[in-house]
N, C-alpha and C. Protein backbone atom coordinates (compact mmCIF):
# COMPACT_ATOMS: atom_id res chain seq x y z
N UNK A 1 20.00 0.97 -2.35
CA UNK A 1 19.31 -0.07 -1.83
C UNK A 1 19.84 -0.78 -0.50
N UNK A 2 19.34 -0.79 0.32
CA UNK A 2 19.83 -1.93 1.38
C UNK A 2 20.38 -3.43 0.90
N UNK A 3 21.47 -3.91 1.27
CA UNK A 3 21.83 -5.07 0.90
C UNK A 3 21.10 -6.12 0.80
N UNK A 4 20.32 -6.38 1.99
CA UNK A 4 19.30 -7.24 2.07
C UNK A 4 18.27 -7.42 1.11
N UNK A 5 17.61 -6.28 0.92
CA UNK A 5 16.83 -6.12 -0.04
C UNK A 5 16.96 -6.31 -1.31
N UNK A 6 18.53 -5.95 -1.76
CA UNK A 6 18.75 -6.01 -2.95
C UNK A 6 19.04 -7.52 -3.54
N UNK A 7 19.75 -8.29 -2.15
CA UNK A 7 20.03 -9.72 -2.52
C UNK A 7 18.60 -10.35 -2.70
N UNK A 8 17.48 -9.68 -1.93
CA UNK A 8 16.08 -10.22 -1.97
C UNK A 8 15.68 -10.24 -3.60
N UNK A 9 15.77 -9.12 -4.19
CA UNK A 9 15.09 -8.76 -5.45
C UNK A 9 15.94 -9.56 -6.61
N UNK A 10 17.45 -9.77 -6.25
CA UNK A 10 18.17 -10.69 -6.98
C UNK A 10 17.80 -12.07 -6.96
N UNK A 11 17.60 -12.67 -5.72
CA UNK A 11 17.30 -14.19 -5.62
C UNK A 11 15.75 -14.30 -6.50
N UNK A 12 14.95 -13.79 -6.28
CA UNK A 12 13.44 -14.03 -6.81
C UNK A 12 13.61 -13.86 -8.38
N UNK A 13 14.24 -12.84 -8.78
CA UNK A 13 14.68 -12.91 -10.35
C UNK A 13 15.53 -14.09 -10.98
N UNK A 14 16.59 -14.50 -10.01
CA UNK A 14 17.04 -15.70 -10.64
C UNK A 14 16.35 -16.96 -10.30
N UNK A 15 15.75 -17.13 -9.34
CA UNK A 15 14.75 -18.45 -9.14
C UNK A 15 13.39 -18.15 -10.24
N UNK A 16 12.91 -17.32 -10.31
CA UNK A 16 11.49 -17.27 -11.08
C UNK A 16 11.78 -16.40 -12.33
N UNK A 17 11.23 -17.09 -13.35
CA UNK A 17 11.28 -16.66 -14.88
C UNK A 17 9.92 -16.69 -15.31
N UNK A 18 9.18 -15.30 -15.22
CA UNK A 18 7.66 -15.42 -15.47
C UNK A 18 7.66 -15.08 -17.27
N UNK A 19 6.71 -15.98 -17.79
CA UNK A 19 5.54 -16.31 -17.21
C UNK A 19 5.92 -18.18 -17.07
N UNK A 20 6.87 -18.30 -17.82
CA UNK A 20 6.89 -20.11 -17.92
C UNK A 20 6.90 -20.91 -16.74
N UNK A 21 7.53 -20.03 -15.52
CA UNK A 21 7.71 -20.72 -14.25
C UNK A 21 6.89 -20.47 -13.15
N UNK A 22 5.72 -20.26 -13.24
CA UNK A 22 4.67 -19.89 -12.41
C UNK A 22 3.53 -20.60 -12.37
N UNK A 23 3.84 -22.18 -12.23
CA UNK A 23 2.93 -22.87 -11.92
C UNK A 23 1.94 -22.56 -10.81
N UNK A 24 0.51 -22.46 -11.38
CA UNK A 24 -0.68 -22.21 -10.22
C UNK A 24 -1.49 -23.18 -10.01
N UNK A 25 -0.80 -24.44 -10.10
CA UNK A 25 -1.84 -25.39 -9.37
C UNK A 25 -1.26 -25.76 -8.23
N UNK A 26 -2.09 -26.23 -7.21
CA UNK A 26 -1.60 -26.71 -6.04
C UNK A 26 -1.20 -27.98 -5.90
N UNK A 27 -0.32 -28.53 -5.22
CA UNK A 27 -0.33 -29.91 -5.12
C UNK A 27 0.33 -30.47 -3.57
N UNK A 28 -0.52 -31.43 -3.31
CA UNK A 28 -0.47 -31.83 -1.94
C UNK A 28 -1.02 -30.75 -0.74
N UNK A 29 -1.69 -30.12 -1.26
CA UNK A 29 -2.41 -29.08 -0.67
C UNK A 29 -1.44 -27.80 0.04
N UNK A 30 -0.14 -27.71 -0.89
CA UNK A 30 0.88 -26.45 -0.65
C UNK A 30 0.42 -25.50 -1.67
N UNK A 31 0.77 -24.40 -1.41
CA UNK A 31 0.59 -23.16 -2.32
C UNK A 31 1.56 -23.62 -3.56
N UNK A 32 0.88 -23.08 -4.55
CA UNK A 32 1.43 -23.18 -6.19
C UNK A 32 2.57 -22.09 -5.99
N UNK A 33 3.43 -22.06 -7.11
CA UNK A 33 4.59 -21.14 -7.17
C UNK A 33 4.03 -19.83 -7.19
N UNK A 34 2.93 -19.63 -8.13
CA UNK A 34 2.29 -18.48 -8.21
C UNK A 34 1.81 -17.96 -6.89
N UNK A 35 1.22 -18.79 -6.14
CA UNK A 35 0.65 -18.29 -4.74
C UNK A 35 1.63 -17.77 -3.89
N UNK A 36 2.81 -18.55 -3.85
CA UNK A 36 4.06 -18.25 -3.07
C UNK A 36 4.33 -16.66 -3.44
N UNK A 37 4.73 -16.75 -4.76
CA UNK A 37 4.99 -15.17 -5.26
C UNK A 37 4.08 -14.09 -4.66
N UNK A 38 2.79 -14.45 -4.64
CA UNK A 38 1.85 -13.60 -4.32
C UNK A 38 2.00 -13.24 -3.01
N UNK A 39 1.97 -14.36 -2.29
CA UNK A 39 2.39 -14.18 -0.52
C UNK A 39 3.33 -13.47 -0.27
N UNK A 40 4.50 -13.58 -1.17
CA UNK A 40 5.76 -12.59 -0.82
C UNK A 40 5.14 -11.05 -1.47
N UNK A 41 4.51 -11.07 -2.26
CA UNK A 41 4.09 -9.70 -2.55
C UNK A 41 3.19 -9.05 -1.77
N UNK A 42 2.25 -9.98 -1.03
CA UNK A 42 1.34 -9.16 -0.10
C UNK A 42 2.31 -8.81 1.18
N UNK A 43 3.24 -9.49 1.60
CA UNK A 43 3.95 -9.44 2.84
C UNK A 43 4.78 -7.75 2.64
N UNK A 44 5.10 -7.67 1.36
CA UNK A 44 5.61 -6.34 1.05
C UNK A 44 4.86 -5.21 0.96
N UNK A 45 3.66 -5.44 0.27
CA UNK A 45 2.54 -4.44 0.47
C UNK A 45 2.04 -4.17 2.00
N UNK A 46 1.99 -5.16 2.52
CA UNK A 46 1.59 -4.90 3.93
C UNK A 46 2.44 -4.11 4.77
N UNK A 47 3.90 -4.43 4.71
CA UNK A 47 4.73 -3.78 5.65
C UNK A 47 4.75 -2.50 4.90
N UNK A 48 4.71 -2.00 3.57
CA UNK A 48 4.62 -0.82 3.41
C UNK A 48 3.46 0.02 3.81
N UNK A 49 2.56 -0.70 3.87
CA UNK A 49 1.23 -0.07 4.44
C UNK A 49 1.46 0.23 5.99
N UNK A 50 2.10 -0.73 6.69
CA UNK A 50 2.49 -0.46 8.13
C UNK A 50 3.41 0.73 8.26
N UNK A 51 4.21 0.90 7.69
CA UNK A 51 5.30 1.89 7.47
C UNK A 51 4.62 3.21 7.13
N UNK A 52 3.51 3.15 6.55
CA UNK A 52 2.71 4.24 6.05
C UNK A 52 2.16 4.85 7.22
N UNK A 53 1.48 4.19 8.06
CA UNK A 53 0.84 4.17 9.25
C UNK A 53 1.75 4.98 10.44
N UNK A 54 3.02 4.40 10.22
CA UNK A 54 3.85 4.89 11.14
C UNK A 54 4.40 6.30 10.95
N UNK A 55 4.51 6.65 9.89
CA UNK A 55 4.79 8.17 9.36
C UNK A 55 3.65 8.99 9.31
N UNK A 56 2.66 8.38 9.04
CA UNK A 56 1.28 9.36 9.68
C UNK A 56 1.09 9.46 10.85
N UNK A 57 1.26 8.44 11.94
CA UNK A 57 1.26 8.74 13.33
C UNK A 57 2.41 10.09 13.85
N UNK A 58 3.65 9.74 12.99
CA UNK A 58 4.65 10.73 13.47
C UNK A 58 5.40 10.10 14.54
N UNK A 59 4.98 8.85 14.78
CA UNK A 59 5.61 8.04 15.91
C UNK A 59 5.86 6.57 15.71
N UNK A 60 7.02 6.10 16.11
CA UNK A 60 7.16 4.51 15.96
C UNK A 60 5.65 3.72 16.80
N UNK A 61 5.40 2.78 16.09
CA UNK A 61 3.85 2.16 16.62
C UNK A 61 4.06 0.67 17.27
N UNK A 62 5.64 0.60 17.23
CA UNK A 62 5.86 -0.65 18.10
C UNK A 62 5.56 -0.68 19.49
N UNK A 63 5.33 -2.11 19.83
CA UNK A 63 4.88 -2.48 21.29
C UNK A 63 6.21 -3.04 21.85
N UNK A 64 6.08 -3.24 23.13
CA UNK A 64 7.02 -3.77 23.91
C UNK A 64 6.93 -5.37 23.68
N UNK A 65 8.23 -6.03 23.63
CA UNK A 65 7.95 -7.51 23.15
C UNK A 65 8.15 -8.42 24.08
N UNK A 66 7.59 -9.44 23.92
CA UNK A 66 7.55 -10.55 24.98
C UNK A 66 8.71 -11.33 25.09
N UNK A 67 9.26 -12.34 25.80
CA UNK A 67 10.25 -13.17 25.88
C UNK A 67 10.16 -13.93 24.59
N UNK A 68 9.19 -14.73 24.27
CA UNK A 68 8.76 -15.42 23.50
C UNK A 68 9.07 -14.88 21.97
N UNK A 69 8.47 -13.66 21.79
CA UNK A 69 8.95 -12.76 20.63
C UNK A 69 10.36 -12.69 20.44
N UNK A 70 11.13 -12.30 21.40
CA UNK A 70 12.52 -11.92 21.07
C UNK A 70 13.29 -13.19 20.84
N UNK A 71 12.77 -14.27 21.62
CA UNK A 71 13.47 -15.64 20.87
C UNK A 71 13.33 -15.95 19.51
N UNK A 72 11.96 -15.89 19.33
CA UNK A 72 11.72 -16.31 17.65
C UNK A 72 12.33 -15.30 16.82
N UNK A 73 12.26 -13.95 17.29
CA UNK A 73 12.87 -13.27 16.26
C UNK A 73 14.46 -13.35 16.28
N UNK A 74 14.93 -13.76 17.28
CA UNK A 74 16.53 -14.13 17.45
C UNK A 74 16.61 -15.17 16.40
N UNK A 75 15.97 -16.51 16.32
CA UNK A 75 15.78 -17.35 15.33
C UNK A 75 16.01 -17.03 14.06
N UNK A 76 14.93 -16.13 13.82
CA UNK A 76 14.80 -15.60 12.24
C UNK A 76 15.66 -14.73 11.72
N UNK A 77 15.77 -13.68 12.52
CA UNK A 77 16.46 -12.44 12.05
C UNK A 77 18.06 -12.43 12.60
N UNK A 78 18.29 -13.11 13.81
CA UNK A 78 19.55 -13.15 14.21
C UNK A 78 20.31 -14.55 13.60
N UNK A 79 19.56 -15.28 13.42
CA UNK A 79 20.45 -16.72 13.17
C UNK A 79 19.95 -16.95 11.48
N UNK A 80 18.90 -16.52 11.03
CA UNK A 80 18.55 -16.28 9.66
C UNK A 80 17.99 -17.92 9.10
N UNK A 81 17.12 -18.53 10.27
CA UNK A 81 16.48 -19.56 10.03
C UNK A 81 15.08 -19.33 10.18
N UNK A 82 14.35 -19.73 9.10
CA UNK A 82 12.66 -19.67 9.16
C UNK A 82 12.19 -20.77 9.31
N UNK A 83 11.67 -21.04 10.30
CA UNK A 83 11.09 -22.64 10.60
C UNK A 83 9.76 -22.81 9.52
N UNK A 84 9.70 -23.68 9.36
CA UNK A 84 8.42 -24.61 8.60
C UNK A 84 7.26 -24.58 9.10
N UNK A 85 6.10 -24.51 8.56
CA UNK A 85 4.56 -25.01 9.22
C UNK A 85 3.95 -23.94 10.02
N UNK A 86 4.55 -22.96 9.97
CA UNK A 86 3.77 -21.83 10.78
C UNK A 86 2.44 -21.11 9.45
N UNK A 87 1.49 -21.01 9.87
CA UNK A 87 0.50 -20.55 8.87
C UNK A 87 0.60 -18.98 8.53
N UNK A 88 0.52 -18.63 7.59
CA UNK A 88 0.73 -17.04 7.32
C UNK A 88 -0.54 -16.09 7.83
N UNK A 89 -0.25 -15.16 8.18
CA UNK A 89 -1.26 -14.15 8.82
C UNK A 89 -2.37 -13.96 7.69
N UNK A 90 -3.71 -13.81 7.73
CA UNK A 90 -4.72 -13.80 7.14
C UNK A 90 -4.61 -12.74 5.81
N UNK A 91 -3.76 -11.73 6.43
CA UNK A 91 -3.68 -10.50 5.34
C UNK A 91 -2.59 -10.93 4.18
N UNK A 92 -1.74 -12.04 4.52
CA UNK A 92 -0.53 -12.35 3.59
C UNK A 92 -0.89 -13.54 2.83
N UNK A 93 -2.14 -14.03 3.02
CA UNK A 93 -2.34 -15.53 2.25
C UNK A 93 -2.99 -14.84 0.87
N UNK A 94 -2.69 -15.83 -0.08
CA UNK A 94 -2.81 -15.43 -1.59
C UNK A 94 -4.35 -15.51 -1.67
N UNK A 95 -4.76 -14.52 -2.71
CA UNK A 95 -6.09 -14.41 -2.77
C UNK A 95 -6.62 -14.42 -4.38
N UNK A 96 -5.58 -14.78 -5.15
CA UNK A 96 -6.14 -14.85 -6.68
C UNK A 96 -5.40 -13.77 -7.55
N UNK A 97 -4.58 -12.98 -7.08
CA UNK A 97 -4.09 -11.83 -7.71
C UNK A 97 -3.38 -12.18 -9.23
N UNK A 98 -3.59 -11.75 -10.02
CA UNK A 98 -3.27 -12.33 -11.35
C UNK A 98 -1.42 -12.10 -11.30
N UNK A 99 -0.83 -13.39 -11.80
CA UNK A 99 0.37 -13.60 -11.46
C UNK A 99 1.30 -12.68 -12.13
N UNK A 100 0.68 -12.23 -13.36
CA UNK A 100 1.30 -11.19 -14.17
C UNK A 100 1.59 -9.76 -13.42
N UNK A 101 0.66 -9.46 -12.69
CA UNK A 101 0.36 -8.21 -11.86
C UNK A 101 1.45 -8.39 -10.78
N UNK A 102 1.80 -9.31 -10.36
CA UNK A 102 2.60 -9.60 -9.08
C UNK A 102 3.83 -9.48 -9.68
N UNK A 103 4.24 -10.45 -10.58
CA UNK A 103 5.57 -10.35 -11.02
C UNK A 103 6.10 -9.04 -11.79
N UNK A 104 5.03 -8.48 -12.20
CA UNK A 104 5.68 -7.07 -12.93
C UNK A 104 5.64 -5.84 -11.76
N UNK A 105 5.25 -6.14 -10.50
CA UNK A 105 5.05 -4.88 -9.55
C UNK A 105 6.11 -5.66 -8.36
N UNK A 106 6.40 -6.71 -8.20
CA UNK A 106 7.15 -7.16 -6.75
C UNK A 106 8.50 -6.52 -6.69
N UNK A 107 9.26 -6.19 -7.77
CA UNK A 107 10.39 -5.46 -7.77
C UNK A 107 10.32 -4.26 -7.08
N UNK A 108 9.35 -3.41 -7.71
CA UNK A 108 8.90 -2.11 -7.47
C UNK A 108 8.70 -2.17 -5.68
N UNK A 109 7.85 -3.11 -5.45
CA UNK A 109 7.38 -3.02 -4.20
C UNK A 109 8.59 -3.28 -3.00
N UNK A 110 9.56 -3.98 -3.53
CA UNK A 110 10.66 -4.21 -2.65
C UNK A 110 11.29 -2.81 -2.49
N UNK A 111 11.50 -2.14 -3.57
CA UNK A 111 12.15 -0.84 -3.50
C UNK A 111 11.48 0.14 -2.72
N UNK A 112 10.17 -0.01 -3.00
CA UNK A 112 9.10 1.20 -2.17
C UNK A 112 9.45 0.65 -0.63
N UNK A 113 9.70 -0.50 -0.43
CA UNK A 113 9.61 -0.88 1.10
C UNK A 113 10.84 -0.26 1.68
N UNK A 114 12.26 -0.36 0.85
CA UNK A 114 13.12 0.11 1.33
C UNK A 114 13.27 1.53 1.57
N UNK A 115 12.40 2.08 0.67
CA UNK A 115 12.37 3.75 0.54
C UNK A 115 11.62 3.99 2.02
N UNK A 116 10.72 3.45 1.97
CA UNK A 116 9.94 4.02 3.42
C UNK A 116 10.46 3.58 4.56
N UNK A 117 10.98 2.51 4.58
CA UNK A 117 11.94 2.46 5.55
C UNK A 117 13.25 3.34 5.91
N UNK A 118 13.78 3.66 4.83
CA UNK A 118 14.65 4.84 5.03
C UNK A 118 14.11 6.12 5.70
N UNK A 119 13.04 6.41 5.00
CA UNK A 119 12.44 7.54 5.49
C UNK A 119 12.01 7.50 7.03
N UNK A 120 11.85 6.16 7.75
CA UNK A 120 11.49 6.06 9.05
C UNK A 120 12.89 6.13 9.78
N UNK A 121 13.76 5.45 9.16
CA UNK A 121 15.38 5.72 9.85
C UNK A 121 15.53 7.11 9.96
N UNK A 122 15.46 7.94 8.89
CA UNK A 122 15.94 9.29 9.13
C UNK A 122 15.07 10.09 10.20
N UNK A 123 13.62 9.53 10.05
CA UNK A 123 12.85 10.30 11.02
C UNK A 123 13.07 9.98 12.46
N UNK A 124 13.25 8.81 12.89
CA UNK A 124 13.10 8.06 13.99
C UNK A 124 14.51 7.38 14.47
N UNK A 125 15.25 7.33 13.64
CA UNK A 125 16.70 6.85 14.03
C UNK A 125 16.85 5.22 13.44
N UNK A 126 18.17 5.15 13.38
CA UNK A 126 18.44 3.58 12.47
C UNK A 126 17.84 2.39 13.80
N UNK A 127 18.31 2.63 14.97
CA UNK A 127 18.02 1.75 16.00
C UNK A 127 16.61 1.62 16.81
N UNK A 128 15.97 2.44 16.23
CA UNK A 128 14.30 2.60 17.17
C UNK A 128 13.50 1.22 16.11
N UNK A 129 12.88 0.56 17.36
CA UNK A 129 11.90 -0.38 16.85
C UNK A 129 10.61 0.28 16.39
N UNK A 130 9.99 0.51 15.38
CA UNK A 130 9.22 1.37 14.60
C UNK A 130 7.72 0.62 14.38
N UNK A 131 7.89 -0.73 14.31
CA UNK A 131 6.80 -1.57 13.86
C UNK A 131 6.92 -2.75 14.07
N UNK A 132 5.51 -3.56 14.61
CA UNK A 132 5.60 -5.04 15.12
C UNK A 132 5.30 -5.76 13.91
N UNK A 133 5.99 -6.75 13.97
CA UNK A 133 5.66 -8.17 13.09
C UNK A 133 4.48 -8.60 13.77
N UNK A 134 3.53 -9.20 12.91
CA UNK A 134 2.61 -10.08 13.46
C UNK A 134 2.87 -11.02 14.63
N UNK A 135 3.82 -12.23 14.19
CA UNK A 135 4.15 -13.06 15.21
C UNK A 135 5.67 -12.73 16.02
N UNK A 136 6.24 -11.83 15.60
CA UNK A 136 7.70 -11.83 15.98
C UNK A 136 7.83 -10.37 16.73
N UNK A 137 6.78 -9.69 16.78
CA UNK A 137 6.84 -8.67 17.73
C UNK A 137 7.40 -7.51 17.29
N UNK A 138 7.98 -6.41 17.80
CA UNK A 138 8.54 -5.12 17.55
C UNK A 138 10.03 -5.11 16.84
N UNK A 139 10.07 -4.55 15.58
CA UNK A 139 11.52 -4.54 14.71
C UNK A 139 11.87 -3.14 14.38
N UNK A 140 13.16 -3.14 14.26
CA UNK A 140 13.71 -1.92 13.89
C UNK A 140 13.66 -1.92 12.36
N UNK A 141 14.05 -1.18 11.36
CA UNK A 141 13.99 -1.35 10.11
C UNK A 141 15.11 -2.31 9.69
N UNK A 142 16.24 -2.25 10.16
CA UNK A 142 17.34 -3.19 9.81
C UNK A 142 16.63 -4.75 9.87
N UNK A 143 15.95 -4.92 11.07
CA UNK A 143 15.51 -6.03 11.41
C UNK A 143 14.30 -6.55 10.31
N UNK A 144 13.40 -5.49 9.90
CA UNK A 144 12.51 -5.97 8.82
C UNK A 144 13.01 -6.30 7.60
N UNK A 145 14.29 -5.69 7.16
CA UNK A 145 14.75 -5.95 6.09
C UNK A 145 15.44 -7.10 5.97
N UNK A 146 16.10 -7.62 6.96
CA UNK A 146 16.49 -8.93 7.32
C UNK A 146 15.79 -9.98 7.51
N UNK A 147 14.27 -9.58 7.93
CA UNK A 147 13.26 -10.50 8.01
C UNK A 147 12.79 -10.96 6.62
N UNK A 148 12.69 -9.76 5.62
CA UNK A 148 11.97 -10.19 4.26
C UNK A 148 13.28 -10.81 3.78
N UNK A 149 14.46 -10.89 3.67
CA UNK A 149 15.40 -11.63 3.07
C UNK A 149 15.30 -12.88 3.57
N UNK A 150 15.26 -13.36 4.90
CA UNK A 150 15.24 -14.79 5.26
C UNK A 150 14.05 -15.22 4.95
N UNK A 151 12.54 -14.71 4.93
CA UNK A 151 11.37 -15.14 4.75
C UNK A 151 11.36 -15.49 3.12
N UNK A 152 11.98 -14.54 2.45
CA UNK A 152 11.91 -14.60 0.82
C UNK A 152 12.71 -16.21 0.61
N UNK A 153 13.82 -15.85 0.97
CA UNK A 153 14.84 -16.99 0.71
C UNK A 153 14.25 -18.38 1.17
N UNK A 154 13.46 -18.55 2.20
CA UNK A 154 12.72 -19.68 2.73
C UNK A 154 11.72 -20.14 1.67
N UNK A 155 10.87 -19.07 1.15
CA UNK A 155 10.00 -19.19 0.41
C UNK A 155 10.72 -19.89 -1.07
N UNK A 156 11.50 -19.20 -1.71
CA UNK A 156 12.22 -19.62 -2.90
C UNK A 156 12.99 -21.06 -2.73
N UNK A 157 13.51 -21.17 -1.43
CA UNK A 157 13.93 -22.70 -1.62
C UNK A 157 12.86 -23.56 -1.72
N UNK A 158 11.78 -23.41 -0.98
CA UNK A 158 10.46 -24.31 -1.26
C UNK A 158 10.10 -24.32 -2.95
N UNK A 159 10.36 -23.35 -3.59
CA UNK A 159 10.18 -23.77 -4.94
C UNK A 159 11.03 -24.35 -5.77
N UNK A 160 12.60 -24.17 -5.47
CA UNK A 160 13.40 -24.72 -6.06
C UNK A 160 13.63 -26.28 -5.67
N UNK A 161 13.16 -26.70 -4.22
CA UNK A 161 13.06 -27.93 -3.91
C UNK A 161 11.94 -28.92 -4.58
N UNK A 162 10.76 -27.85 -4.79
CA UNK A 162 9.67 -28.80 -5.86
C UNK A 162 9.87 -28.93 -7.39
N UNK A 163 10.84 -28.07 -7.83
CA UNK A 163 11.34 -28.24 -9.14
C UNK A 163 12.28 -29.44 -9.13
N UNK A 164 13.07 -29.59 -8.23
CA UNK A 164 13.99 -30.69 -8.21
C UNK A 164 13.36 -31.86 -8.06
N UNK A 165 12.08 -32.13 -7.27
CA UNK A 165 11.44 -33.28 -6.86
C UNK A 165 10.56 -33.59 -8.07
N UNK A 166 10.38 -32.45 -9.06
CA UNK A 166 9.54 -32.56 -9.99
C UNK A 166 8.04 -32.59 -9.92
N UNK A 167 8.02 -31.64 -8.68
CA UNK A 167 6.30 -31.54 -8.31
C UNK A 167 5.73 -30.36 -8.64
N UNK A 168 6.61 -29.49 -9.69
CA UNK A 168 6.16 -28.15 -10.26
C UNK A 168 7.01 -28.04 -11.63
């Protein structure tokens, strides 16, 4: 497995201990720990679906990036900084999936994501931009893997911060 996604799996398991540490109550209008985990899960399943579309099309589906997208991608993927306050795309917002289901499948979804990206690497080449991120524009599979690590660590840091502040 790719080192970025392997680290993501390890960090999720080290921060979250289901079922005792998945509070479902929102506080101060923020997502609960269960909702954050569901959000991450939905980003993984959404990415898998996107890469399935790429393979079905038989060609990359990436568009041309704008200057704004390139700059934002540089911050997130290049520098590893995920800015706060951005609203998640509709398809990645929690919808109330059972936390038990999300927890039992999340590691598998990360592995599936890695596998389908490897298939795209083999078919289109490692440095090919294959699929657009909803906000950050076209990514290579390497950029997608790093994005998911940075994004996951951002949310895991939020969970740890809430725990330390006694808010969950």
